[in-house]
Amino acid sequence: MAKVGGKIFAFLGSGERAGLTCGRDADEAAELRAAHPGTVTQSAYIGRYGWNSVTLDGAVPDDELRELIDISYDAVVAKLPKRLRPASGLPPDR
């Protein structure tokens, strides 16, 4: 689990089905699922808010995975009170 300001912006899984779960705009999340059927799925319970689960099997390029994480991170930071927003670089709890 990855957090910023005490809020989750990504989940990381390991094992047989290593994966990444992160959020983004609901319309963009649907486009991502359409572009990578079977590899990107709507997250259970939180998927209606734009969260997708991505199976880390190489089907989604690394640069796109980094972009997904960055988008989710930026969305969470934007909603934090200014006093909790990181000034620069990686926050201690990320």
N, C-alpha and C. Protein backbone atom coordinates (compact mmCIF):
# COMPACT_ATOMS: atom_id res chain seq x y z
N MET A 1 0.85 -1.16 0.00
CA MET A 1 0.00 0.00 0.00
C MET A 1 0.90 1.23 0.00
N ALA A 2 0.57 2.18 -0.85
CA ALA A 2 1.34 3.43 -0.94
C ALA A 2 0.44 4.59 -0.52
N LYS A 3 0.98 5.44 0.35
CA LYS A 3 0.19 6.55 0.89
C LYS A 3 0.92 7.87 0.74
N VAL A 4 0.13 8.93 0.76
CA VAL A 4 0.64 10.29 0.85
C VAL A 4 -0.32 11.05 1.76
N GLY A 5 0.21 11.76 2.74
CA GLY A 5 -0.64 12.49 3.66
C GLY A 5 -1.63 11.61 4.39
N GLY A 6 -1.29 10.34 4.59
CA GLY A 6 -2.18 9.40 5.27
C GLY A 6 -3.26 8.81 4.39
N LYS A 7 -3.29 9.16 3.11
CA LYS A 7 -4.31 8.66 2.18
C LYS A 7 -3.67 7.70 1.18
N ILE A 8 -4.39 6.64 0.86
CA ILE A 8 -3.89 5.63 -0.07
C ILE A 8 -4.04 6.11 -1.51
N PHE A 9 -2.97 5.94 -2.30
CA PHE A 9 -3.07 6.25 -3.73
C PHE A 9 -2.76 5.04 -4.59
N ALA A 10 -2.27 3.94 -4.00
CA ALA A 10 -2.01 2.73 -4.78
C ALA A 10 -1.89 1.53 -3.84
N PHE A 11 -2.28 0.38 -4.36
CA PHE A 11 -2.09 -0.89 -3.69
C PHE A 11 -1.18 -1.73 -4.58
N LEU A 12 -0.25 -2.44 -3.96
CA LEU A 12 0.64 -3.32 -4.71
C LEU A 12 0.45 -4.74 -4.20
N GLY A 13 0.33 -5.68 -5.13
CA GLY A 13 0.18 -7.07 -4.77
C GLY A 13 1.35 -7.88 -5.30
N SER A 14 1.58 -9.02 -4.69
CA SER A 14 2.68 -9.88 -5.13
C SER A 14 2.18 -11.32 -5.20
N GLY A 15 3.07 -12.20 -5.55
CA GLY A 15 2.70 -13.60 -5.64
C GLY A 15 2.39 -14.02 -7.06
N GLU A 16 1.53 -15.02 -7.18
CA GLU A 16 1.20 -15.56 -8.50
C GLU A 16 0.56 -14.52 -9.41
N ARG A 17 -0.28 -13.66 -8.85
CA ARG A 17 -0.93 -12.60 -9.65
C ARG A 17 -0.49 -11.25 -9.14
N ALA A 18 0.76 -10.91 -9.40
CA ALA A 18 1.27 -9.61 -8.98
C ALA A 18 0.47 -8.53 -9.67
N GLY A 19 0.13 -7.49 -8.92
CA GLY A 19 -0.69 -6.45 -9.52
C GLY A 19 -0.54 -5.10 -8.85
N LEU A 20 -1.13 -4.13 -9.51
CA LEU A 20 -1.14 -2.75 -9.06
C LEU A 20 -2.58 -2.26 -9.14
N THR A 21 -3.04 -1.60 -8.09
CA THR A 21 -4.36 -1.00 -8.09
C THR A 21 -4.20 0.48 -7.79
N CYS A 22 -4.73 1.32 -8.66
CA CYS A 22 -4.66 2.76 -8.42
C CYS A 22 -5.84 3.44 -9.08
N GLY A 23 -6.08 4.68 -8.66
CA GLY A 23 -7.26 5.40 -9.11
C GLY A 23 -6.95 6.45 -10.16
N ARG A 24 -8.00 6.84 -10.86
CA ARG A 24 -7.95 7.92 -11.85
C ARG A 24 -9.37 8.32 -12.18
N ASP A 25 -9.55 9.26 -13.06
CA ASP A 25 -10.88 9.68 -13.49
C ASP A 25 -11.65 8.46 -14.00
N ALA A 26 -12.93 8.35 -13.66
CA ALA A 26 -13.73 7.18 -14.03
C ALA A 26 -13.77 6.93 -15.53
N ASP A 27 -13.87 7.98 -16.34
CA ASP A 27 -13.89 7.81 -17.79
C ASP A 27 -12.55 7.30 -18.31
N GLU A 28 -11.46 7.84 -17.78
CA GLU A 28 -10.12 7.38 -18.18
C GLU A 28 -9.90 5.94 -17.72
N ALA A 29 -10.43 5.59 -16.57
CA ALA A 29 -10.30 4.22 -16.07
C ALA A 29 -11.00 3.25 -17.02
N ALA A 30 -12.17 3.63 -17.52
CA ALA A 30 -12.91 2.79 -18.47
C ALA A 30 -12.14 2.64 -19.78
N GLU A 31 -11.52 3.72 -20.24
CA GLU A 31 -10.70 3.67 -21.46
C GLU A 31 -9.52 2.72 -21.28
N LEU A 32 -8.90 2.76 -20.12
CA LEU A 32 -7.76 1.89 -19.85
C LEU A 32 -8.19 0.43 -19.86
N ARG A 33 -9.35 0.13 -19.26
CA ARG A 33 -9.85 -1.25 -19.28
C ARG A 33 -10.14 -1.71 -20.70
N ALA A 34 -10.68 -0.81 -21.53
CA ALA A 34 -10.98 -1.16 -22.92
C ALA A 34 -9.70 -1.39 -23.72
N ALA A 35 -8.64 -0.66 -23.40
CA ALA A 35 -7.38 -0.79 -24.12
C ALA A 35 -6.61 -2.05 -23.72
N HIS A 36 -6.86 -2.56 -22.52
CA HIS A 36 -6.13 -3.73 -22.01
C HIS A 36 -7.11 -4.73 -21.39
N PRO A 37 -8.03 -5.30 -22.20
CA PRO A 37 -9.01 -6.23 -21.64
C PRO A 37 -8.33 -7.46 -21.04
N GLY A 38 -8.81 -7.87 -19.88
CA GLY A 38 -8.25 -9.04 -19.22
C GLY A 38 -7.06 -8.72 -18.34
N THR A 39 -6.31 -7.68 -18.68
CA THR A 39 -5.15 -7.29 -17.88
C THR A 39 -5.53 -6.19 -16.90
N VAL A 40 -6.41 -5.28 -17.32
CA VAL A 40 -6.87 -4.19 -16.46
C VAL A 40 -8.35 -4.41 -16.19
N THR A 41 -8.70 -4.50 -14.91
CA THR A 41 -10.08 -4.74 -14.52
C THR A 41 -10.52 -3.69 -13.50
N GLN A 42 -11.82 -3.52 -13.41
CA GLN A 42 -12.37 -2.60 -12.42
C GLN A 42 -12.15 -3.20 -11.03
N SER A 43 -11.65 -2.41 -10.12
CA SER A 43 -11.37 -2.89 -8.77
C SER A 43 -12.66 -3.17 -8.01
N ALA A 44 -12.65 -4.29 -7.31
CA ALA A 44 -13.80 -4.63 -6.49
C ALA A 44 -13.98 -3.58 -5.40
N TYR A 45 -15.19 -3.22 -5.13
CA TYR A 45 -15.59 -2.32 -4.05
C TYR A 45 -15.25 -0.85 -4.29
N ILE A 46 -14.10 -0.54 -4.89
CA ILE A 46 -13.72 0.86 -5.10
C ILE A 46 -13.67 1.22 -6.58
N GLY A 47 -13.97 0.29 -7.46
CA GLY A 47 -13.89 0.52 -8.90
C GLY A 47 -14.84 1.57 -9.42
N ARG A 48 -15.96 1.75 -8.76
CA ARG A 48 -16.91 2.76 -9.23
C ARG A 48 -16.36 4.17 -9.09
N TYR A 49 -15.29 4.31 -8.34
CA TYR A 49 -14.64 5.61 -8.16
C TYR A 49 -13.45 5.79 -9.10
N GLY A 50 -13.30 4.91 -10.08
CA GLY A 50 -12.23 5.04 -11.05
C GLY A 50 -11.00 4.21 -10.75
N TRP A 51 -11.08 3.32 -9.77
CA TRP A 51 -9.93 2.50 -9.43
C TRP A 51 -9.90 1.25 -10.31
N ASN A 52 -8.71 0.96 -10.85
CA ASN A 52 -8.49 -0.23 -11.67
C ASN A 52 -7.42 -1.10 -11.05
N SER A 53 -7.51 -2.39 -11.31
CA SER A 53 -6.46 -3.33 -10.94
C SER A 53 -5.75 -3.77 -12.22
N VAL A 54 -4.43 -3.73 -12.20
CA VAL A 54 -3.62 -4.07 -13.36
C VAL A 54 -2.78 -5.29 -13.01
N THR A 55 -2.92 -6.36 -13.77
CA THR A 55 -2.07 -7.53 -13.60
C THR A 55 -0.70 -7.20 -14.17
N LEU A 56 0.34 -7.41 -13.38
CA LEU A 56 1.70 -7.08 -13.82
C LEU A 56 2.30 -8.27 -14.56
N ASP A 57 1.87 -8.42 -15.81
CA ASP A 57 2.33 -9.53 -16.64
C ASP A 57 3.09 -9.06 -17.88
N GLY A 58 3.39 -7.76 -17.95
CA GLY A 58 4.11 -7.21 -19.08
C GLY A 58 3.22 -6.66 -20.19
N ALA A 59 1.91 -6.88 -20.10
CA ALA A 59 1.00 -6.41 -21.14
C ALA A 59 0.86 -4.89 -21.14
N VAL A 60 0.95 -4.28 -19.97
CA VAL A 60 0.91 -2.83 -19.86
C VAL A 60 2.35 -2.35 -19.71
N PRO A 61 2.83 -1.50 -20.62
CA PRO A 61 4.22 -1.05 -20.57
C PRO A 61 4.55 -0.32 -19.26
N ASP A 62 5.81 -0.44 -18.83
CA ASP A 62 6.26 0.17 -17.58
C ASP A 62 6.00 1.67 -17.53
N ASP A 63 6.22 2.36 -18.65
CA ASP A 63 6.00 3.81 -18.64
C ASP A 63 4.53 4.15 -18.40
N GLU A 64 3.63 3.31 -18.89
CA GLU A 64 2.20 3.53 -18.65
C GLU A 64 1.85 3.24 -17.19
N LEU A 65 2.50 2.22 -16.60
CA LEU A 65 2.28 1.93 -15.18
C LEU A 65 2.74 3.10 -14.32
N ARG A 66 3.91 3.66 -14.65
CA ARG A 66 4.40 4.82 -13.90
C ARG A 66 3.43 5.99 -14.02
N GLU A 67 2.88 6.18 -15.21
CA GLU A 67 1.91 7.26 -15.42
C GLU A 67 0.66 7.04 -14.58
N LEU A 68 0.19 5.79 -14.49
CA LEU A 68 -0.98 5.47 -13.67
C LEU A 68 -0.73 5.82 -12.21
N ILE A 69 0.44 5.46 -11.72
CA ILE A 69 0.80 5.77 -10.33
C ILE A 69 0.87 7.27 -10.12
N ASP A 70 1.51 7.96 -11.05
CA ASP A 70 1.64 9.43 -10.93
C ASP A 70 0.28 10.11 -10.92
N ILE A 71 -0.62 9.67 -11.79
CA ILE A 71 -1.96 10.27 -11.86
C ILE A 71 -2.71 10.06 -10.55
N SER A 72 -2.63 8.84 -10.02
CA SER A 72 -3.30 8.53 -8.76
C SER A 72 -2.71 9.36 -7.62
N TYR A 73 -1.39 9.44 -7.57
CA TYR A 73 -0.69 10.22 -6.54
C TYR A 73 -1.12 11.69 -6.62
N ASP A 74 -1.07 12.26 -7.82
CA ASP A 74 -1.42 13.67 -8.00
C ASP A 74 -2.87 13.95 -7.60
N ALA A 75 -3.77 13.02 -7.91
CA ALA A 75 -5.18 13.21 -7.56
C ALA A 75 -5.38 13.22 -6.05
N VAL A 76 -4.67 12.36 -5.35
CA VAL A 76 -4.79 12.32 -3.89
C VAL A 76 -4.16 13.57 -3.27
N VAL A 77 -2.99 13.96 -3.75
CA VAL A 77 -2.32 15.15 -3.22
C VAL A 77 -3.20 16.39 -3.41
N ALA A 78 -3.85 16.50 -4.55
CA ALA A 78 -4.69 17.66 -4.84
C ALA A 78 -5.85 17.80 -3.84
N LYS A 79 -6.28 16.70 -3.26
CA LYS A 79 -7.40 16.73 -2.31
C LYS A 79 -6.95 16.90 -0.86
N LEU A 80 -5.65 16.84 -0.62
CA LEU A 80 -5.13 17.00 0.74
C LEU A 80 -5.17 18.46 1.17
N PRO A 81 -5.35 18.71 2.47
CA PRO A 81 -5.19 20.08 2.95
C PRO A 81 -3.76 20.54 2.67
N LYS A 82 -3.58 21.81 2.41
CA LYS A 82 -2.25 22.33 2.05
C LYS A 82 -1.19 21.96 3.07
N ARG A 83 -1.55 21.91 4.35
CA ARG A 83 -0.56 21.60 5.38
C ARG A 83 -0.04 20.16 5.29
N LEU A 84 -0.80 19.28 4.63
CA LEU A 84 -0.38 17.89 4.49
C LEU A 84 0.26 17.58 3.14
N ARG A 85 0.22 18.53 2.23
CA ARG A 85 0.80 18.29 0.91
C ARG A 85 2.33 18.30 0.99
N PRO A 86 2.96 17.36 0.30
CA PRO A 86 4.43 17.35 0.28
C PRO A 86 4.95 18.58 -0.45
N ALA A 87 6.03 19.15 0.07
CA ALA A 87 6.62 20.34 -0.55
C ALA A 87 7.30 19.98 -1.86
N SER A 88 8.09 18.93 -1.84
CA SER A 88 8.78 18.45 -3.05
C SER A 88 9.35 17.07 -2.76
N GLY A 89 9.64 16.35 -3.81
CA GLY A 89 10.22 15.02 -3.65
C GLY A 89 9.19 14.05 -3.09
N LEU A 90 9.67 12.90 -2.65
CA LEU A 90 8.79 11.88 -2.12
C LEU A 90 8.50 12.14 -0.66
N PRO A 91 7.23 12.04 -0.26
CA PRO A 91 6.90 12.20 1.15
C PRO A 91 7.39 10.99 1.94
N PRO A 92 7.55 11.12 3.25
CA PRO A 92 8.07 10.02 4.07
C PRO A 92 7.23 8.75 4.03
N ASP A 93 5.91 8.87 3.84
CA ASP A 93 5.07 7.67 3.88
C ASP A 93 4.73 7.11 2.52
N ARG A 94 5.42 7.50 1.49
CA ARG A 94 5.16 6.97 0.15
C ARG A 94 6.01 5.78 -0.11
